[in-house]
All heavy atoms as atom14 arrays in JSON, in Angstrom:
{
  "sequence": "DMKDEEIDLPRIAFVGRPNVGKSSIINTLLGDVRNIVTDIAGTTR",
  "atom14_mask": [
    [1, 1, 1, 1, 1, 1, 1, 1, 0, 0, 0, 0, 0, 0],
    [1, 1, 1, 1, 1, 1, 1, 1, 0, 0, 0, 0, 0, 0],
    [1, 1, 1, 1, 1, 1, 1, 1, 1, 0, 0, 0, 0, 0],
    [1, 1, 1, 1, 1, 1, 1, 1, 0, 0, 0, 0, 0, 0],
    [1, 1, 1, 1, 1, 1, 1, 1, 1, 0, 0, 0, 0, 0],
    [1, 1, 1, 1, 1, 1, 1, 1, 1, 0, 0, 0, 0, 0],
    [1, 1, 1, 1, 1, 1, 1, 1, 0, 0, 0, 0, 0, 0],
    [1, 1, 1, 1, 1, 1, 1, 1, 0, 0, 0, 0, 0, 0],
    [1, 1, 1, 1, 1, 1, 1, 1, 0, 0, 0, 0, 0, 0],
    [1, 1, 1, 1, 1, 1, 1, 0, 0, 0, 0, 0, 0, 0],
    [1, 1, 1, 1, 1, 1, 1, 1, 1, 1, 1, 0, 0, 0],
    [1, 1, 1, 1, 1, 1, 1, 1, 0, 0, 0, 0, 0, 0],
    [1, 1, 1, 1, 1, 0, 0, 0, 0, 0, 0, 0, 0, 0],
    [1, 1, 1, 1, 1, 1, 1, 1, 1, 1, 1, 0, 0, 0],
    [1, 1, 1, 1, 1, 1, 1, 0, 0, 0, 0, 0, 0, 0],
    [1, 1, 1, 1, 0, 0, 0, 0, 0, 0, 0, 0, 0, 0],
    [1, 1, 1, 1, 1, 1, 1, 1, 1, 1, 1, 0, 0, 0],
    [1, 1, 1, 1, 1, 1, 1, 0, 0, 0, 0, 0, 0, 0],
    [1, 1, 1, 1, 1, 1, 1, 1, 0, 0, 0, 0, 0, 0],
    [1, 1, 1, 1, 1, 1, 1, 0, 0, 0, 0, 0, 0, 0],
    [1, 1, 1, 1, 0, 0, 0, 0, 0, 0, 0, 0, 0, 0],
    [1, 1, 1, 1, 1, 1, 1, 1, 1, 0, 0, 0, 0, 0],
    [1, 1, 1, 1, 1, 1, 0, 0, 0, 0, 0, 0, 0, 0],
    [1, 1, 1, 1, 1, 1, 0, 0, 0, 0, 0, 0, 0, 0],
    [1, 1, 1, 1, 1, 1, 1, 1, 0, 0, 0, 0, 0, 0],
    [1, 1, 1, 1, 1, 1, 1, 1, 0, 0, 0, 0, 0, 0],
    [1, 1, 1, 1, 1, 1, 1, 1, 0, 0, 0, 0, 0, 0],
    [1, 1, 1, 1, 1, 1, 1, 0, 0, 0, 0, 0, 0, 0],
    [1, 1, 1, 1, 1, 1, 1, 1, 0, 0, 0, 0, 0, 0],
    [1, 1, 1, 1, 1, 1, 1, 1, 0, 0, 0, 0, 0, 0],
    [1, 1, 1, 1, 0, 0, 0, 0, 0, 0, 0, 0, 0, 0],
    [1, 1, 1, 1, 1, 1, 1, 1, 0, 0, 0, 0, 0, 0],
    [1, 1, 1, 1, 1, 1, 1, 0, 0, 0, 0, 0, 0, 0],
    [1, 1, 1, 1, 1, 1, 1, 1, 1, 1, 1, 0, 0, 0],
    [1, 1, 1, 1, 1, 1, 1, 1, 0, 0, 0, 0, 0, 0],
    [1, 1, 1, 1, 1, 1, 1, 1, 0, 0, 0, 0, 0, 0],
    [1, 1, 1, 1, 1, 1, 1, 0, 0, 0, 0, 0, 0, 0],
    [1, 1, 1, 1, 1, 1, 1, 0, 0, 0, 0, 0, 0, 0],
    [1, 1, 1, 1, 1, 1, 1, 1, 0, 0, 0, 0, 0, 0],
    [1, 1, 1, 1, 1, 1, 1, 1, 0, 0, 0, 0, 0, 0],
    [1, 1, 1, 1, 1, 0, 0, 0, 0, 0, 0, 0, 0, 0],
    [1, 1, 1, 1, 0, 0, 0, 0, 0, 0, 0, 0, 0, 0],
    [1, 1, 1, 1, 1, 1, 1, 0, 0, 0, 0, 0, 0, 0],
    [1, 1, 1, 1, 1, 1, 1, 0, 0, 0, 0, 0, 0, 0],
    [1, 1, 1, 1, 1, 1, 1, 1, 1, 1, 1, 0, 0, 0]
  ],
  "atom14_positions": [
    [[0.73, -1.26, -0.08], [0.0, 0.0, 0.02], [0.82, 1.26, 0.01], [0.3, 2.39, -0.07], [-0.98, 0.02, 1.18], [-1.92, -1.06, 1.16], [-2.4, -1.44, 0.01], [-2.27, -1.7, 2.23], [0.0, 0.0, 0.0], [0.0, 0.0, 0.0], [0.0, 0.0, 0.0], [0.0, 0.0, 0.0], [0.0, 0.0, 0.0], [0.0, 0.0, 0.0]],
    [[2.16, 1.13, 0.1], [3.09, 2.3, 0.2], [3.12, 2.91, -1.24], [3.5, 2.21, -2.27], [4.47, 1.97, 0.64], [4.47, 1.64, 2.19], [6.09, 1.19, 2.7], [7.05, 2.7, 2.27], [0.0, 0.0, 0.0], [0.0, 0.0, 0.0], [0.0, 0.0, 0.0], [0.0, 0.0, 0.0], [0.0, 0.0, 0.0], [0.0, 0.0, 0.0]],
    [[2.82, 4.15, -1.4], [2.95, 4.92, -2.63], [3.52, 6.29, -2.35], [3.39, 6.83, -1.3], [1.56, 5.01, -3.34], [1.05, 3.7, -3.79], [-0.25, 3.98, -4.61], [-0.85, 2.66, -5.14], [-2.14, 2.93, -5.87], [0.0, 0.0, 0.0], [0.0, 0.0, 0.0], [0.0, 0.0, 0.0], [0.0, 0.0, 0.0], [0.0, 0.0, 0.0]],
    [[4.14, 6.84, -3.39], [4.52, 8.18, -3.22], [3.99, 8.94, -4.47], [3.31, 8.34, -5.28], [6.07, 8.4, -3.19], [6.86, 7.69, -4.36], [6.29, 7.7, -5.5], [7.96, 7.24, -4.2], [0.0, 0.0, 0.0], [0.0, 0.0, 0.0], [0.0, 0.0, 0.0], [0.0, 0.0, 0.0], [0.0, 0.0, 0.0], [0.0, 0.0, 0.0]],
    [[4.28, 10.24, -4.55], [3.74, 11.09, -5.49], [4.11, 10.59, -6.98], [3.25, 10.53, -7.86], [4.03, 12.55, -5.38], [3.46, 13.45, -6.37], [4.01, 14.83, -6.24], [5.05, 15.02, -5.62], [3.36, 15.8, -6.77], [0.0, 0.0, 0.0], [0.0, 0.0, 0.0], [0.0, 0.0, 0.0], [0.0, 0.0, 0.0], [0.0, 0.0, 0.0]],
    [[5.31, 10.25, -7.12], [5.79, 9.88, -8.51], [5.11, 8.56, -8.95], [4.78, 8.43, -10.06], [7.32, 9.68, -8.48], [8.1, 11.02, -8.29], [9.46, 10.88, -8.57], [10.08, 9.72, -8.62], [10.2, 11.91, -8.63], [0.0, 0.0, 0.0], [0.0, 0.0, 0.0], [0.0, 0.0, 0.0], [0.0, 0.0, 0.0], [0.0, 0.0, 0.0]],
    [[4.98, 7.53, -7.97], [4.36, 6.35, -8.37], [2.91, 6.52, -8.85], [2.36, 5.87, -9.71], [4.44, 5.31, -7.26], [5.89, 4.87, -7.07], [3.53, 4.11, -7.45], [6.19, 3.99, -5.86], [0.0, 0.0, 0.0], [0.0, 0.0, 0.0], [0.0, 0.0, 0.0], [0.0, 0.0, 0.0], [0.0, 0.0, 0.0], [0.0, 0.0, 0.0]],
    [[2.2, 7.54, -8.28], [0.87, 7.8, -8.59], [0.74, 8.54, -9.97], [-0.3, 8.59, -10.51], [0.16, 8.66, -7.57], [-0.17, 7.82, -6.31], [-0.31, 6.63, -6.43], [-0.28, 8.53, -5.26], [0.0, 0.0, 0.0], [0.0, 0.0, 0.0], [0.0, 0.0, 0.0], [0.0, 0.0, 0.0], [0.0, 0.0, 0.0], [0.0, 0.0, 0.0]],
    [[1.81, 9.05, -10.51], [1.72, 9.73, -11.75], [1.69, 8.7, -12.87], [2.27, 7.64, -12.84], [2.95, 10.57, -11.95], [3.07, 11.84, -11.06], [4.43, 12.54, -11.34], [1.9, 12.79, -11.34], [0.0, 0.0, 0.0], [0.0, 0.0, 0.0], [0.0, 0.0, 0.0], [0.0, 0.0, 0.0], [0.0, 0.0, 0.0], [0.0, 0.0, 0.0]],
    [[0.99, 9.06, -14.01], [1.03, 8.23, -15.16], [2.49, 7.95, -15.74], [3.23, 8.96, -15.74], [0.13, 8.9, -16.24], [-0.69, 9.8, -15.38], [0.08, 10.23, -14.16], [0.0, 0.0, 0.0], [0.0, 0.0, 0.0], [0.0, 0.0, 0.0], [0.0, 0.0, 0.0], [0.0, 0.0, 0.0], [0.0, 0.0, 0.0], [0.0, 0.0, 0.0]],
    [[2.76, 6.78, -15.98], [4.22, 6.46, -16.54], [4.07, 6.23, -18.04], [3.52, 5.28, -18.5], [4.79, 5.37, -15.77], [5.07, 5.6, -14.39], [5.57, 4.32, -13.59], [5.61, 4.58, -12.16], [6.89, 4.91, -11.64], [7.95, 4.89, -12.48], [6.98, 5.13, -10.37], [0.0, 0.0, 0.0], [0.0, 0.0, 0.0], [0.0, 0.0, 0.0]],
    [[4.83, 7.03, -18.81], [4.88, 6.94, -20.19], [6.31, 6.42, -20.62], [7.3, 7.24, -20.35], [4.6, 8.24, -20.88], [3.26, 8.94, -20.38], [4.41, 8.12, -22.46], [2.01, 8.14, -20.59], [0.0, 0.0, 0.0], [0.0, 0.0, 0.0], [0.0, 0.0, 0.0], [0.0, 0.0, 0.0], [0.0, 0.0, 0.0], [0.0, 0.0, 0.0]],
    [[6.36, 5.25, -21.03], [7.71, 4.57, -21.39], [7.95, 4.73, -22.92], [7.14, 4.34, -23.62], [7.87, 3.19, -20.92], [0.0, 0.0, 0.0], [0.0, 0.0, 0.0], [0.0, 0.0, 0.0], [0.0, 0.0, 0.0], [0.0, 0.0, 0.0], [0.0, 0.0, 0.0], [0.0, 0.0, 0.0], [0.0, 0.0, 0.0], [0.0, 0.0, 0.0]],
    [[9.1, 5.27, -23.33], [9.51, 5.37, -24.74], [10.45, 4.15, -24.92], [11.5, 3.97, -24.34], [10.25, 6.65, -25.0], [9.37, 7.85, -24.96], [8.83, 8.35, -23.75], [8.95, 8.45, -26.14], [7.93, 9.42, -23.78], [8.06, 9.56, -26.17], [7.58, 10.03, -24.95], [0.0, 0.0, 0.0], [0.0, 0.0, 0.0], [0.0, 0.0, 0.0]],
    [[10.07, 3.28, -25.8], [10.77, 1.93, -26.03], [10.96, 1.82, -27.48], [10.23, 2.42, -28.35], [9.97, 0.71, -25.42], [9.79, 0.89, -23.95], [8.54, 0.65, -26.13], [0.0, 0.0, 0.0], [0.0, 0.0, 0.0], [0.0, 0.0, 0.0], [0.0, 0.0, 0.0], [0.0, 0.0, 0.0], [0.0, 0.0, 0.0], [0.0, 0.0, 0.0]],
    [[11.96, 1.01, -27.77], [12.31, 0.72, -29.24], [13.73, 0.27, -29.4], [14.43, 0.15, -28.44], [0.0, 0.0, 0.0], [0.0, 0.0, 0.0], [0.0, 0.0, 0.0], [0.0, 0.0, 0.0], [0.0, 0.0, 0.0], [0.0, 0.0, 0.0], [0.0, 0.0, 0.0], [0.0, 0.0, 0.0], [0.0, 0.0, 0.0], [0.0, 0.0, 0.0]],
    [[14.02, 0.03, -30.64], [15.45, -0.41, -30.91], [16.37, 0.71, -30.56], [16.06, 1.81, -30.41], [15.54, -0.78, -32.35], [14.82, -2.13, -32.81], [15.02, -2.4, -34.27], [14.22, -1.58, -35.06], [14.68, -0.79, -36.02], [16.07, -0.55, -36.13], [13.92, -0.04, -36.86], [0.0, 0.0, 0.0], [0.0, 0.0, 0.0], [0.0, 0.0, 0.0]],
    [[17.73, 0.45, -30.44], [18.67, 1.43, -30.15], [18.69, 2.47, -31.28], [18.53, 2.17, -32.35], [19.98, 0.63, -30.03], [19.56, -0.7, -29.76], [18.31, -0.97, -30.48], [0.0, 0.0, 0.0], [0.0, 0.0, 0.0], [0.0, 0.0, 0.0], [0.0, 0.0, 0.0], [0.0, 0.0, 0.0], [0.0, 0.0, 0.0], [0.0, 0.0, 0.0]],
    [[18.89, 3.67, -30.81], [19.2, 4.84, -31.75], [17.87, 5.13, -32.65], [18.11, 5.76, -33.7], [20.34, 4.51, -32.65], [21.08, 5.79, -33.07], [21.12, 6.74, -32.33], [21.65, 5.72, -34.3], [0.0, 0.0, 0.0], [0.0, 0.0, 0.0], [0.0, 0.0, 0.0], [0.0, 0.0, 0.0], [0.0, 0.0, 0.0], [0.0, 0.0, 0.0]],
    [[16.69, 4.97, -32.1], [15.51, 5.43, -32.86], [15.15, 6.77, -32.45], [14.21, 7.37, -33.1], [14.32, 4.42, -32.74], [14.67, 3.08, -33.35], [13.89, 4.3, -31.3], [0.0, 0.0, 0.0], [0.0, 0.0, 0.0], [0.0, 0.0, 0.0], [0.0, 0.0, 0.0], [0.0, 0.0, 0.0], [0.0, 0.0, 0.0], [0.0, 0.0, 0.0]],
    [[15.79, 7.42, -31.39], [15.43, 8.8, -30.97], [14.63, 8.88, -29.61], [14.0, 9.91, -29.44], [0.0, 0.0, 0.0], [0.0, 0.0, 0.0], [0.0, 0.0, 0.0], [0.0, 0.0, 0.0], [0.0, 0.0, 0.0], [0.0, 0.0, 0.0], [0.0, 0.0, 0.0], [0.0, 0.0, 0.0], [0.0, 0.0, 0.0], [0.0, 0.0, 0.0]],
    [[14.68, 7.89, -28.85], [13.96, 7.84, -27.53], [14.42, 9.07, -26.64], [13.62, 9.7, -26.11], [14.08, 6.52, -26.92], [13.48, 5.33, -27.68], [13.6, 4.04, -26.99], [15.04, 3.58, -26.63], [15.86, 3.31, -27.9], [0.0, 0.0, 0.0], [0.0, 0.0, 0.0], [0.0, 0.0, 0.0], [0.0, 0.0, 0.0], [0.0, 0.0, 0.0]],
    [[15.78, 9.03, -26.47], [16.28, 10.17, -25.61], [16.09, 11.52, -26.2], [15.69, 12.52, -25.46], [17.76, 9.94, -25.37], [18.02, 8.78, -24.69], [0.0, 0.0, 0.0], [0.0, 0.0, 0.0], [0.0, 0.0, 0.0], [0.0, 0.0, 0.0], [0.0, 0.0, 0.0], [0.0, 0.0, 0.0], [0.0, 0.0, 0.0], [0.0, 0.0, 0.0]],
    [[16.16, 11.57, -27.56], [16.07, 12.81, -28.22], [14.55, 13.42, -28.0], [14.48, 14.62, -27.73], [16.44, 12.74, -29.72], [17.79, 12.43, -29.86], [0.0, 0.0, 0.0], [0.0, 0.0, 0.0], [0.0, 0.0, 0.0], [0.0, 0.0, 0.0], [0.0, 0.0, 0.0], [0.0, 0.0, 0.0], [0.0, 0.0, 0.0], [0.0, 0.0, 0.0]],
    [[13.65, 12.52, -28.17], [12.27, 13.08, -28.12], [11.9, 13.59, -26.72], [11.32, 14.54, -26.52], [11.19, 12.09, -28.65], [9.91, 12.75, -28.79], [11.07, 10.8, -27.64], [8.92, 11.83, -29.52], [0.0, 0.0, 0.0], [0.0, 0.0, 0.0], [0.0, 0.0, 0.0], [0.0, 0.0, 0.0], [0.0, 0.0, 0.0], [0.0, 0.0, 0.0]],
    [[12.45, 12.79, -25.62], [12.26, 13.21, -24.3], [12.97, 14.52, -24.07], [12.36, 15.41, -23.44], [12.69, 12.05, -23.25], [11.7, 10.93, -23.46], [12.79, 12.61, -21.94], [12.18, 9.79, -22.65], [0.0, 0.0, 0.0], [0.0, 0.0, 0.0], [0.0, 0.0, 0.0], [0.0, 0.0, 0.0], [0.0, 0.0, 0.0], [0.0, 0.0, 0.0]],
    [[14.18, 14.67, -24.53], [14.84, 15.86, -24.36], [14.18, 17.05, -24.97], [14.2, 18.19, -24.39], [16.36, 15.78, -24.78], [17.25, 14.9, -23.98], [16.97, 14.62, -22.82], [18.28, 14.3, -24.6], [0.0, 0.0, 0.0], [0.0, 0.0, 0.0], [0.0, 0.0, 0.0], [0.0, 0.0, 0.0], [0.0, 0.0, 0.0], [0.0, 0.0, 0.0]],
    [[13.68, 16.86, -26.14], [13.0, 17.88, -26.85], [11.67, 18.28, -26.05], [11.38, 19.53, -25.95], [12.61, 17.37, -28.21], [13.7, 17.03, -29.04], [11.83, 18.54, -29.04], [0.0, 0.0, 0.0], [0.0, 0.0, 0.0], [0.0, 0.0, 0.0], [0.0, 0.0, 0.0], [0.0, 0.0, 0.0], [0.0, 0.0, 0.0], [0.0, 0.0, 0.0]],
    [[10.95, 17.39, -25.55], [9.82, 17.62, -24.69], [10.16, 18.45, -23.48], [9.44, 19.31, -23.08], [9.12, 16.35, -24.42], [8.37, 15.56, -25.41], [7.93, 14.21, -25.11], [7.1, 16.46, -25.86], [0.0, 0.0, 0.0], [0.0, 0.0, 0.0], [0.0, 0.0, 0.0], [0.0, 0.0, 0.0], [0.0, 0.0, 0.0], [0.0, 0.0, 0.0]],
    [[11.38, 18.07, -22.87], [11.69, 18.65, -21.59], [12.37, 20.03, -21.89], [12.51, 20.83, -21.01], [12.59, 17.75, -20.88], [12.05, 16.48, -20.34], [13.16, 15.57, -19.7], [10.96, 16.74, -19.31], [0.0, 0.0, 0.0], [0.0, 0.0, 0.0], [0.0, 0.0, 0.0], [0.0, 0.0, 0.0], [0.0, 0.0, 0.0], [0.0, 0.0, 0.0]],
    [[12.82, 20.26, -23.13], [13.46, 21.49, -23.43], [14.85, 21.61, -22.81], [15.41, 22.72, -22.64], [0.0, 0.0, 0.0], [0.0, 0.0, 0.0], [0.0, 0.0, 0.0], [0.0, 0.0, 0.0], [0.0, 0.0, 0.0], [0.0, 0.0, 0.0], [0.0, 0.0, 0.0], [0.0, 0.0, 0.0], [0.0, 0.0, 0.0], [0.0, 0.0, 0.0]],
    [[15.46, 20.51, -22.46], [16.61, 20.46, -21.72], [17.32, 19.05, -22.05], [16.74, 18.15, -22.04], [16.39, 20.51, -20.21], [17.63, 20.61, -19.44], [18.75, 20.89, -19.98], [17.59, 20.4, -18.18], [0.0, 0.0, 0.0], [0.0, 0.0, 0.0], [0.0, 0.0, 0.0], [0.0, 0.0, 0.0], [0.0, 0.0, 0.0], [0.0, 0.0, 0.0]],
    [[18.6, 19.09, -22.28], [19.26, 17.87, -22.6], [19.58, 17.17, -21.26], [20.7, 17.27, -20.63], [20.61, 18.12, -23.34], [21.3, 16.81, -23.71], [20.4, 18.82, -24.63], [0.0, 0.0, 0.0], [0.0, 0.0, 0.0], [0.0, 0.0, 0.0], [0.0, 0.0, 0.0], [0.0, 0.0, 0.0], [0.0, 0.0, 0.0], [0.0, 0.0, 0.0]],
    [[18.58, 16.43, -20.77], [18.68, 15.7, -19.54], [19.4, 14.38, -19.72], [20.15, 13.86, -18.86], [17.28, 15.42, -18.99], [16.34, 16.58, -18.73], [16.59, 17.22, -17.51], [15.71, 18.35, -17.24], [14.79, 18.42, -16.38], [14.5, 17.33, -15.61], [14.12, 19.52, -16.2], [0.0, 0.0, 0.0], [0.0, 0.0, 0.0], [0.0, 0.0, 0.0]],
    [[19.22, 13.68, -20.94], [19.77, 12.32, -21.14], [20.79, 12.46, -22.24], [20.83, 13.28, -23.11], [18.56, 11.46, -21.68], [17.44, 11.42, -20.71], [17.55, 11.67, -19.43], [16.35, 11.14, -21.08], [0.0, 0.0, 0.0], [0.0, 0.0, 0.0], [0.0, 0.0, 0.0], [0.0, 0.0, 0.0], [0.0, 0.0, 0.0], [0.0, 0.0, 0.0]],
    [[21.82, 11.62, -22.06], [22.94, 11.59, -22.97], [22.46, 11.14, -24.39], [21.86, 10.04, -24.5], [23.98, 10.67, -22.48], [24.62, 11.12, -21.17], [25.13, 10.54, -23.51], [25.54, 10.17, -20.5], [0.0, 0.0, 0.0], [0.0, 0.0, 0.0], [0.0, 0.0, 0.0], [0.0, 0.0, 0.0], [0.0, 0.0, 0.0], [0.0, 0.0, 0.0]],
    [[22.69, 11.95, -25.4], [22.26, 11.57, -26.74], [23.43, 11.6, -27.66], [24.16, 12.57, -27.76], [21.22, 12.53, -27.32], [20.8, 12.19, -28.7], [19.93, 12.56, -26.33], [0.0, 0.0, 0.0], [0.0, 0.0, 0.0], [0.0, 0.0, 0.0], [0.0, 0.0, 0.0], [0.0, 0.0, 0.0], [0.0, 0.0, 0.0], [0.0, 0.0, 0.0]],
    [[23.74, 10.47, -28.27], [24.83, 10.37, -29.22], [24.26, 9.48, -30.38], [23.16, 8.98, -30.39], [26.13, 9.65, -28.75], [25.74, 8.25, -28.52], [26.5, 10.18, -27.4], [0.0, 0.0, 0.0], [0.0, 0.0, 0.0], [0.0, 0.0, 0.0], [0.0, 0.0, 0.0], [0.0, 0.0, 0.0], [0.0, 0.0, 0.0], [0.0, 0.0, 0.0]],
    [[25.03, 9.49, -31.49], [24.49, 8.66, -32.66], [25.16, 7.26, -32.5], [25.07, 6.52, -33.49], [24.81, 9.31, -34.01], [26.26, 9.7, -34.14], [26.92, 9.35, -33.33], [26.55, 10.42, -35.12], [0.0, 0.0, 0.0], [0.0, 0.0, 0.0], [0.0, 0.0, 0.0], [0.0, 0.0, 0.0], [0.0, 0.0, 0.0], [0.0, 0.0, 0.0]],
    [[25.59, 6.93, -31.35], [26.1, 5.54, -31.03], [25.01, 4.75, -30.44], [24.4, 5.09, -29.34], [27.29, 5.46, -30.21], [28.46, 6.4, -30.76], [27.82, 4.1, -29.78], [29.64, 6.62, -29.77], [0.0, 0.0, 0.0], [0.0, 0.0, 0.0], [0.0, 0.0, 0.0], [0.0, 0.0, 0.0], [0.0, 0.0, 0.0], [0.0, 0.0, 0.0]],
    [[24.67, 3.69, -31.07], [23.47, 2.88, -30.57], [23.81, 2.27, -29.12], [24.92, 1.86, -28.87], [23.16, 1.71, -31.5], [0.0, 0.0, 0.0], [0.0, 0.0, 0.0], [0.0, 0.0, 0.0], [0.0, 0.0, 0.0], [0.0, 0.0, 0.0], [0.0, 0.0, 0.0], [0.0, 0.0, 0.0], [0.0, 0.0, 0.0], [0.0, 0.0, 0.0]],
    [[22.81, 2.41, -28.24], [22.94, 1.84, -27.05], [23.54, 2.72, -25.88], [24.07, 2.25, -24.97], [0.0, 0.0, 0.0], [0.0, 0.0, 0.0], [0.0, 0.0, 0.0], [0.0, 0.0, 0.0], [0.0, 0.0, 0.0], [0.0, 0.0, 0.0], [0.0, 0.0, 0.0], [0.0, 0.0, 0.0], [0.0, 0.0, 0.0], [0.0, 0.0, 0.0]],
    [[23.5, 4.1, -26.1], [24.03, 5.04, -25.17], [23.28, 4.94, -23.86], [23.93, 5.03, -22.77], [23.92, 6.36, -25.73], [24.62, 6.45, -27.0], [24.67, 7.36, -24.81], [0.0, 0.0, 0.0], [0.0, 0.0, 0.0], [0.0, 0.0, 0.0], [0.0, 0.0, 0.0], [0.0, 0.0, 0.0], [0.0, 0.0, 0.0], [0.0, 0.0, 0.0]],
    [[22.02, 4.75, -23.96], [21.26, 4.67, -22.65], [21.22, 3.34, -22.08], [20.73, 2.41, -22.76], [19.77, 5.17, -22.84], [19.71, 6.5, -23.43], [18.98, 5.21, -21.6], [0.0, 0.0, 0.0], [0.0, 0.0, 0.0], [0.0, 0.0, 0.0], [0.0, 0.0, 0.0], [0.0, 0.0, 0.0], [0.0, 0.0, 0.0], [0.0, 0.0, 0.0]],
    [[21.92, 3.2, -20.96], [22.13, 1.86, -20.38], [20.96, 1.64, -19.33], [20.52, 0.44, -19.16], [23.45, 1.79, -19.53], [24.63, 1.96, -20.49], [24.87, 0.78, -21.34], [26.06, 0.74, -22.05], [26.53, -0.12, -22.86], [25.75, -1.16, -23.15], [27.83, -0.02, -23.38], [0.0, 0.0, 0.0], [0.0, 0.0, 0.0], [0.0, 0.0, 0.0]]
  ]
}
């Protein structure tokens, strides 16, 4: 029954093959380069 504010929020997961633009689209939405984005597949571990 333990929950916090974040757990109660809807979770939208961006999934797909490496280097399809998952980090880039989130960074664009946030307006800030929060996640490492390179053109090397598999940067996000």
